[in-house]
Structures are given as C-alpha cells and as structure tokens.
Amino acid sequence: MDTDRTVVVARFSSQSEAYIAKGLLEANGIDCFLQDEYINQTFAIFNPAFGGIKLCVMGKDMEAAYNLLKENGDI
C-alpha cells in the first residue's frame, strides 16, 4: 500500500456519526478529513448512491485509525 496516499477508513450515513469518528481520530493524533460530506447533506435521499460520508486518512495511519474506530464501536 502506498503510505503517501489517502484511503477511506470508514463510511457513515449521518453527518453526526462522521464528525464523532473524525473527532476521535484527531484527538488521538491521526490527521483525517471527511469526503462527500456536503453532497450527502444536500442530497440526503441519494446518500447510498454516493457511498455515504467517507472518513479518509493517510495510508500510513489506516491500521491505527481502523483499530481505534473499531475499539470505540464507530465501525
């Protein structure tokens, strides 16, 4: 895996869930960002078609981010 690329570590159907998970990662020193947040908010009925709100991290942080989210029940 290319550690310099961003990867999707989790997908969420609601903005609040996405922000909670993002805050958890940031509080633990993992840089991250949300992708497709606004399109899913604007066109909520099409959320499944867009793949939900994606939480992205750097490839080098993927394993740590996934484990942290899993431990906290966010995924």
PDB file of N, CA and C in Angstrom:
ATOM      1  N   MET A   1       0.843  -1.183   0.000  1.00  0.00           N
ATOM      2  CA  MET A   1       0.000   0.000   0.000  1.00  0.00           C
ATOM      3  C   MET A   1       0.888   1.245   0.000  1.00  0.00           C
ATOM      4  N   ASP A   2       0.450   2.215  -0.741  1.00  0.00           N
ATOM      5  CA  ASP A   2       1.163   3.491  -0.810  1.00  0.00           C
ATOM      6  C   ASP A   2       0.819   4.306   0.431  1.00  0.00           C
ATOM      7  N   THR A   3       1.775   4.524   1.308  1.00  0.00           N
ATOM      8  CA  THR A   3       1.515   5.225   2.569  1.00  0.00           C
ATOM      9  C   THR A   3       1.338   6.725   2.396  1.00  0.00           C
ATOM     10  N   ASP A   4       1.666   7.247   1.213  1.00  0.00           N
ATOM     11  CA  ASP A   4       1.536   8.684   0.959  1.00  0.00           C
ATOM     12  C   ASP A   4       0.184   9.054   0.352  1.00  0.00           C
ATOM     13  N   ARG A   5      -0.680   8.089   0.138  1.00  0.00           N
ATOM     14  CA  ARG A   5      -1.994   8.344  -0.451  1.00  0.00           C
ATOM     15  C   ARG A   5      -3.054   8.305   0.638  1.00  0.00           C
ATOM     16  N   THR A   6      -4.157   8.955   0.359  1.00  0.00           N
ATOM     17  CA  THR A   6      -5.263   8.896   1.316  1.00  0.00           C
ATOM     18  C   THR A   6      -6.133   7.684   1.009  1.00  0.00           C
ATOM     19  N   VAL A   7      -6.692   7.122   2.066  1.00  0.00           N
ATOM     20  CA  VAL A   7      -7.570   5.962   1.937  1.00  0.00           C
ATOM     21  C   VAL A   7      -8.829   6.203   2.766  1.00  0.00           C
ATOM     22  N   VAL A   8      -9.906   5.566   2.367  1.00  0.00           N
ATOM     23  CA  VAL A   8     -11.162   5.642   3.121  1.00  0.00           C
ATOM     24  C   VAL A   8     -11.104   4.573   4.206  1.00  0.00           C
ATOM     25  N   VAL A   9     -11.214   5.010   5.456  1.00  0.00           N
ATOM     26  CA  VAL A   9     -11.160   4.070   6.570  1.00  0.00           C
ATOM     27  C   VAL A   9     -12.552   3.707   7.074  1.00  0.00           C
ATOM     28  N   ALA A  10     -13.541   4.558   6.815  1.00  0.00           N
ATOM     29  CA  ALA A  10     -14.911   4.277   7.241  1.00  0.00           C
ATOM     30  C   ALA A  10     -15.888   5.123   6.429  1.00  0.00           C
ATOM     31  N   ARG A  11     -17.132   4.660   6.374  1.00  0.00           N
ATOM     32  CA  ARG A  11     -18.210   5.383   5.692  1.00  0.00           C
ATOM     33  C   ARG A  11     -19.367   5.535   6.663  1.00  0.00           C
ATOM     34  N   PHE A  12     -20.040   6.672   6.590  1.00  0.00           N
ATOM     35  CA  PHE A  12     -21.135   6.967   7.506  1.00  0.00           C
ATOM     36  C   PHE A  12     -22.334   7.489   6.736  1.00  0.00           C
ATOM     37  N   SER A  13     -23.509   7.182   7.251  1.00  0.00           N
ATOM     38  CA  SER A  13     -24.726   7.673   6.608  1.00  0.00           C
ATOM     39  C   SER A  13     -25.183   8.992   7.214  1.00  0.00           C
ATOM     40  N   SER A  14     -24.693   9.320   8.412  1.00  0.00           N
ATOM     41  CA  SER A  14     -25.092  10.593   9.021  1.00  0.00           C
ATOM     42  C   SER A  14     -23.869  11.457   9.314  1.00  0.00           C
ATOM     43  N   GLN A  15     -24.088  12.743   9.208  1.00  0.00           N
ATOM     44  CA  GLN A  15     -23.030  13.713   9.438  1.00  0.00           C
ATOM     45  C   GLN A  15     -22.554  13.668  10.891  1.00  0.00           C
ATOM     46  N   SER A  16     -23.463  13.485  11.826  1.00  0.00           N
ATOM     47  CA  SER A  16     -23.074  13.470  13.240  1.00  0.00           C
ATOM     48  C   SER A  16     -22.162  12.284  13.556  1.00  0.00           C
ATOM     49  N   GLU A  17     -22.463  11.115  13.016  1.00  0.00           N
ATOM     50  CA  GLU A  17     -21.595   9.944  13.225  1.00  0.00           C
ATOM     51  C   GLU A  17     -20.210  10.184  12.646  1.00  0.00           C
ATOM     52  N   ALA A  18     -20.179  10.793  11.473  1.00  0.00           N
ATOM     53  CA  ALA A  18     -18.902  11.065  10.813  1.00  0.00           C
ATOM     54  C   ALA A  18     -18.049  12.031  11.644  1.00  0.00           C
ATOM     55  N   TYR A  19     -18.680  13.074  12.180  1.00  0.00           N
ATOM     56  CA  TYR A  19     -17.937  14.046  12.983  1.00  0.00           C
ATOM     57  C   TYR A  19     -17.440  13.451  14.305  1.00  0.00           C
ATOM     58  N   ILE A  20     -18.214  12.556  14.896  1.00  0.00           N
ATOM     59  CA  ILE A  20     -17.763  11.904  16.129  1.00  0.00           C
ATOM     60  C   ILE A  20     -16.525  11.061  15.855  1.00  0.00           C
ATOM     61  N   ALA A  21     -16.564  10.274  14.781  1.00  0.00           N
ATOM     62  CA  ALA A  21     -15.418   9.443  14.426  1.00  0.00           C
ATOM     63  C   ALA A  21     -14.204  10.295  14.063  1.00  0.00           C
ATOM     64  N   LYS A  22     -14.427  11.366  13.329  1.00  0.00           N
ATOM     65  CA  LYS A  22     -13.342  12.277  12.951  1.00  0.00           C
ATOM     66  C   LYS A  22     -12.707  12.885  14.196  1.00  0.00           C
ATOM     67  N   GLY A  23     -13.533  13.302  15.147  1.00  0.00           N
ATOM     68  CA  GLY A  23     -13.019  13.871  16.392  1.00  0.00           C
ATOM     69  C   GLY A  23     -12.213  12.873  17.191  1.00  0.00           C
ATOM     70  N   LEU A  24     -12.640  11.613  17.193  1.00  0.00           N
ATOM     71  CA  LEU A  24     -11.906  10.568  17.894  1.00  0.00           C
ATOM     72  C   LEU A  24     -10.511  10.392  17.306  1.00  0.00           C
ATOM     73  N   LEU A  25     -10.443  10.331  15.986  1.00  0.00           N
ATOM     74  CA  LEU A  25      -9.133  10.166  15.342  1.00  0.00           C
ATOM     75  C   LEU A  25      -8.241  11.373  15.604  1.00  0.00           C
ATOM     76  N   GLU A  26      -8.780  12.566  15.453  1.00  0.00           N
ATOM     77  CA  GLU A  26      -7.988  13.780  15.672  1.00  0.00           C
ATOM     78  C   GLU A  26      -7.516  13.885  17.114  1.00  0.00           C
ATOM     79  N   ALA A  27      -8.341  13.479  18.059  1.00  0.00           N
ATOM     80  CA  ALA A  27      -7.961  13.522  19.475  1.00  0.00           C
ATOM     81  C   ALA A  27      -6.819  12.554  19.777  1.00  0.00           C
ATOM     82  N   ASN A  28      -6.661  11.567  18.909  1.00  0.00           N
ATOM     83  CA  ASN A  28      -5.591  10.592  19.083  1.00  0.00           C
ATOM     84  C   ASN A  28      -4.432  10.825  18.119  1.00  0.00           C
ATOM     85  N   GLY A  29      -4.366  12.021  17.557  1.00  0.00           N
ATOM     86  CA  GLY A  29      -3.226  12.419  16.731  1.00  0.00           C
ATOM     87  C   GLY A  29      -3.221  11.894  15.315  1.00  0.00           C
ATOM     88  N   ILE A  30      -4.360  11.442  14.817  1.00  0.00           N
ATOM     89  CA  ILE A  30      -4.435  10.939  13.443  1.00  0.00           C
ATOM     90  C   ILE A  30      -5.104  11.997  12.573  1.00  0.00           C
ATOM     91  N   ASP A  31      -4.359  12.512  11.605  1.00  0.00           N
ATOM     92  CA  ASP A  31      -4.907  13.501  10.676  1.00  0.00           C
ATOM     93  C   ASP A  31      -5.935  12.825   9.775  1.00  0.00           C
ATOM     94  N   CYS A  32      -7.060  13.497   9.567  1.00  0.00           N
ATOM     95  CA  CYS A  32      -8.117  12.918   8.749  1.00  0.00           C
ATOM     96  C   CYS A  32      -8.987  14.031   8.183  1.00  0.00           C
ATOM     97  N   PHE A  33      -9.848  13.647   7.236  1.00  0.00           N
ATOM     98  CA  PHE A  33     -10.806  14.594   6.685  1.00  0.00           C
ATOM     99  C   PHE A  33     -12.022  13.823   6.189  1.00  0.00           C
ATOM    100  N   LEU A  34     -13.124  14.548   6.024  1.00  0.00           N
ATOM    101  CA  LEU A  34     -14.357  13.964   5.519  1.00  0.00           C
ATOM    102  C   LEU A  34     -14.485  14.281   4.033  1.00  0.00           C
ATOM    103  N   GLN A  35     -14.917  13.286   3.282  1.00  0.00           N
ATOM    104  CA  GLN A  35     -15.114  13.444   1.844  1.00  0.00           C
ATOM    105  C   GLN A  35     -16.589  13.214   1.526  1.00  0.00           C
ATOM    106  N   ASP A  36     -17.116  13.962   0.594  1.00  0.00           N
ATOM    107  CA  ASP A  36     -18.518  13.868   0.156  1.00  0.00           C
ATOM    108  C   ASP A  36     -19.505  14.252   1.252  1.00  0.00           C
ATOM    109  N   GLU A  37     -19.047  15.014   2.207  1.00  0.00           N
ATOM    110  CA  GLU A  37     -19.898  15.438   3.319  1.00  0.00           C
ATOM    111  C   GLU A  37     -21.047  16.319   2.831  1.00  0.00           C
ATOM    112  N   TYR A  38     -20.735  17.300   2.025  1.00  0.00           N
ATOM    113  CA  TYR A  38     -21.749  18.270   1.630  1.00  0.00           C
ATOM    114  C   TYR A  38     -22.707  17.726   0.576  1.00  0.00           C
ATOM    115  N   ILE A  39     -22.210  16.894  -0.325  1.00  0.00           N
ATOM    116  CA  ILE A  39     -23.115  16.329  -1.331  1.00  0.00           C
ATOM    117  C   ILE A  39     -24.114  15.394  -0.668  1.00  0.00           C
ATOM    118  N   ASN A  40     -23.669  14.665   0.349  1.00  0.00           N
ATOM    119  CA  ASN A  40     -24.579  13.779   1.064  1.00  0.00           C
ATOM    120  C   ASN A  40     -25.553  14.554   1.937  1.00  0.00           C
ATOM    121  N   GLN A  41     -25.128  15.696   2.419  1.00  0.00           N
ATOM    122  CA  GLN A  41     -26.015  16.539   3.223  1.00  0.00           C
ATOM    123  C   GLN A  41     -27.063  17.195   2.319  1.00  0.00           C
ATOM    124  N   THR A  42     -26.642  17.661   1.174  1.00  0.00           N
ATOM    125  CA  THR A  42     -27.532  18.348   0.250  1.00  0.00           C
ATOM    126  C   THR A  42     -28.534  17.392  -0.394  1.00  0.00           C
ATOM    127  N   PHE A  43     -28.056  16.213  -0.767  1.00  0.00           N
ATOM    128  CA  PHE A  43     -28.903  15.227  -1.439  1.00  0.00           C
ATOM    129  C   PHE A  43     -29.015  13.971  -0.576  1.00  0.00           C
ATOM    130  N   ALA A  44     -29.524  14.127   0.634  1.00  0.00           N
ATOM    131  CA  ALA A  44     -29.568  13.038   1.615  1.00  0.00           C
ATOM    132  C   ALA A  44     -30.295  11.796   1.097  1.00  0.00           C
ATOM    133  N   ILE A  45     -31.288  11.981   0.278  1.00  0.00           N
ATOM    134  CA  ILE A  45     -32.034  10.836  -0.239  1.00  0.00           C
ATOM    135  C   ILE A  45     -31.150   9.938  -1.112  1.00  0.00           C
ATOM    136  N   PHE A  46     -30.105  10.510  -1.695  1.00  0.00           N
ATOM    137  CA  PHE A  46     -29.200   9.749  -2.563  1.00  0.00           C
ATOM    138  C   PHE A  46     -27.937   9.289  -1.834  1.00  0.00           C
ATOM    139  N   ASN A  47     -27.910   9.415  -0.514  1.00  0.00           N
ATOM    140  CA  ASN A  47     -26.740   9.061   0.275  1.00  0.00           C
ATOM    141  C   ASN A  47     -26.165   7.697  -0.097  1.00  0.00           C
ATOM    142  N   PRO A  48     -26.981   6.641  -0.194  1.00  0.00           N
ATOM    143  CA  PRO A  48     -26.414   5.339  -0.558  1.00  0.00           C
ATOM    144  C   PRO A  48     -25.756   5.330  -1.938  1.00  0.00           C
ATOM    145  N   ALA A  49     -26.291   6.088  -2.864  1.00  0.00           N
ATOM    146  CA  ALA A  49     -25.722   6.130  -4.212  1.00  0.00           C
ATOM    147  C   ALA A  49     -24.340   6.781  -4.222  1.00  0.00           C
ATOM    148  N   PHE A  50     -24.130   7.744  -3.337  1.00  0.00           N
ATOM    149  CA  PHE A  50     -22.838   8.426  -3.263  1.00  0.00           C
ATOM    150  C   PHE A  50     -21.849   7.676  -2.381  1.00  0.00           C
ATOM    151  N   GLY A  51     -22.297   6.648  -1.684  1.00  0.00           N
ATOM    152  CA  GLY A  51     -21.400   5.878  -0.828  1.00  0.00           C
ATOM    153  C   GLY A  51     -21.250   6.435   0.565  1.00  0.00           C
ATOM    154  N   GLY A  52     -22.115   7.341   0.950  1.00  0.00           N
ATOM    155  CA  GLY A  52     -22.062   7.907   2.290  1.00  0.00           C
ATOM    156  C   GLY A  52     -20.950   8.926   2.452  1.00  0.00           C
ATOM    157  N   ILE A  53     -20.794   9.380   3.680  1.00  0.00           N
ATOM    158  CA  ILE A  53     -19.726  10.328   4.026  1.00  0.00           C
ATOM    159  C   ILE A  53     -18.501   9.495   4.343  1.00  0.00           C
ATOM    160  N   LYS A  54     -17.414   9.775   3.671  1.00  0.00           N
ATOM    161  CA  LYS A  54     -16.202   8.975   3.798  1.00  0.00           C
ATOM    162  C   LYS A  54     -15.200   9.649   4.741  1.00  0.00           C
ATOM    163  N   LEU A  55     -14.667   8.879   5.682  1.00  0.00           N
ATOM    164  CA  LEU A  55     -13.632   9.345   6.590  1.00  0.00           C
ATOM    165  C   LEU A  55     -12.308   8.861   6.033  1.00  0.00           C
ATOM    166  N   CYS A  56     -11.445   9.799   5.674  1.00  0.00           N
ATOM    167  CA  CYS A  56     -10.188   9.474   5.000  1.00  0.00           C
ATOM    168  C   CYS A  56      -8.987   9.771   5.886  1.00  0.00           C
ATOM    169  N   VAL A  57      -7.980   8.911   5.770  1.00  0.00           N
ATOM    170  CA  VAL A  57      -6.713   9.085   6.483  1.00  0.00           C
ATOM    171  C   VAL A  57      -5.582   8.777   5.508  1.00  0.00           C
ATOM    172  N   MET A  58      -4.370   9.086   5.915  1.00  0.00           N
ATOM    173  CA  MET A  58      -3.201   8.710   5.126  1.00  0.00           C
ATOM    174  C   MET A  58      -3.014   7.199   5.227  1.00  0.00           C
ATOM    175  N   GLY A  59      -2.481   6.592   4.181  1.00  0.00           N
ATOM    176  CA  GLY A  59      -2.279   5.152   4.162  1.00  0.00           C
ATOM    177  C   GLY A  59      -1.482   4.648   5.348  1.00  0.00           C
ATOM    178  N   LYS A  60      -0.502   5.426   5.782  1.00  0.00           N
ATOM    179  CA  LYS A  60       0.342   5.017   6.909  1.00  0.00           C
ATOM    180  C   LYS A  60      -0.434   4.957   8.220  1.00  0.00           C
ATOM    181  N   ASP A  61      -1.552   5.662   8.297  1.00  0.00           N
ATOM    182  CA  ASP A  61      -2.366   5.705   9.513  1.00  0.00           C
ATOM    183  C   ASP A  61      -3.587   4.792   9.461  1.00  0.00           C
ATOM    184  N   MET A  62      -3.782   4.092   8.349  1.00  0.00           N
ATOM    185  CA  MET A  62      -5.013   3.326   8.162  1.00  0.00           C
ATOM    186  C   MET A  62      -5.232   2.271   9.243  1.00  0.00           C
ATOM    187  N   GLU A  63      -4.239   1.481   9.533  1.00  0.00           N
ATOM    188  CA  GLU A  63      -4.410   0.403  10.511  1.00  0.00           C
ATOM    189  C   GLU A  63      -4.728   0.956  11.902  1.00  0.00           C
ATOM    190  N   ALA A  64      -3.998   1.973  12.320  1.00  0.00           N
ATOM    191  CA  ALA A  64      -4.234   2.570  13.638  1.00  0.00           C
ATOM    192  C   ALA A  64      -5.623   3.198  13.701  1.00  0.00           C
ATOM    193  N   ALA A  65      -6.023   3.891  12.636  1.00  0.00           N
ATOM    194  CA  ALA A  65      -7.337   4.531  12.603  1.00  0.00           C
ATOM    195  C   ALA A  65      -8.444   3.488  12.644  1.00  0.00           C
ATOM    196  N   TYR A  66      -8.308   2.447  11.853  1.00  0.00           N
ATOM    197  CA  TYR A  66      -9.318   1.393  11.819  1.00  0.00           C
ATOM    198  C   TYR A  66      -9.466   0.739  13.191  1.00  0.00           C
ATOM    199  N   ASN A  67      -8.338   0.400  13.812  1.00  0.00           N
ATOM    200  CA  ASN A  67      -8.380  -0.242  15.123  1.00  0.00           C
ATOM    201  C   ASN A  67      -9.009   0.665  16.176  1.00  0.00           C
ATOM    202  N   LEU A  68      -8.689   1.937  16.139  1.00  0.00           N
ATOM    203  CA  LEU A  68      -9.246   2.893  17.096  1.00  0.00           C
ATOM    204  C   LEU A  68     -10.756   3.022  16.910  1.00  0.00           C
ATOM    205  N   LEU A  69     -11.206   3.131  15.680  1.00  0.00           N
ATOM    206  CA  LEU A  69     -12.645   3.226  15.405  1.00  0.00           C
ATOM    207  C   LEU A  69     -13.369   1.948  15.818  1.00  0.00           C
ATOM    208  N   LYS A  70     -12.750   0.816  15.544  1.00  0.00           N
ATOM    209  CA  LYS A  70     -13.366  -0.467  15.891  1.00  0.00           C
ATOM    210  C   LYS A  70     -13.463  -0.634  17.426  1.00  0.00           C
ATOM    211  N   GLU A  71     -12.408  -0.269  18.133  1.00  0.00           N
ATOM    212  CA  GLU A  71     -12.398  -0.365  19.604  1.00  0.00           C
ATOM    213  C   GLU A  71     -13.496   0.486  20.237  1.00  0.00           C
ATOM    214  N   ASN A  72     -13.797   1.609  19.612  1.00  0.00           N
ATOM    215  CA  ASN A  72     -14.792   2.531  20.151  1.00  0.00           C
ATOM    216  C   ASN A  72     -16.195   2.308  19.584  1.00  0.00           C
ATOM    217  N   GLY A  73     -16.351   1.285  18.764  1.00  0.00           N
ATOM    218  CA  GLY A  73     -17.666   0.951  18.241  1.00  0.00           C
ATOM    219  C   GLY A  73     -18.171   1.876  17.154  1.00  0.00           C
ATOM    220  N   ASP A  74     -17.272   2.630  16.531  1.00  0.00           N
ATOM    221  CA  ASP A  74     -17.695   3.551  15.469  1.00  0.00           C
ATOM    222  C   ASP A  74     -17.839   2.863  14.120  1.00  0.00           C
ATOM    223  N   ILE A  75     -17.263   1.660  13.989  1.00  0.00           N
ATOM    224  CA  ILE A  75     -17.432   0.885  12.747  1.00  0.00           C
ATOM    225  C   ILE A  75     -17.708  -0.559  13.090  1.00  0.00           C
TER     226      ILE A  75
END
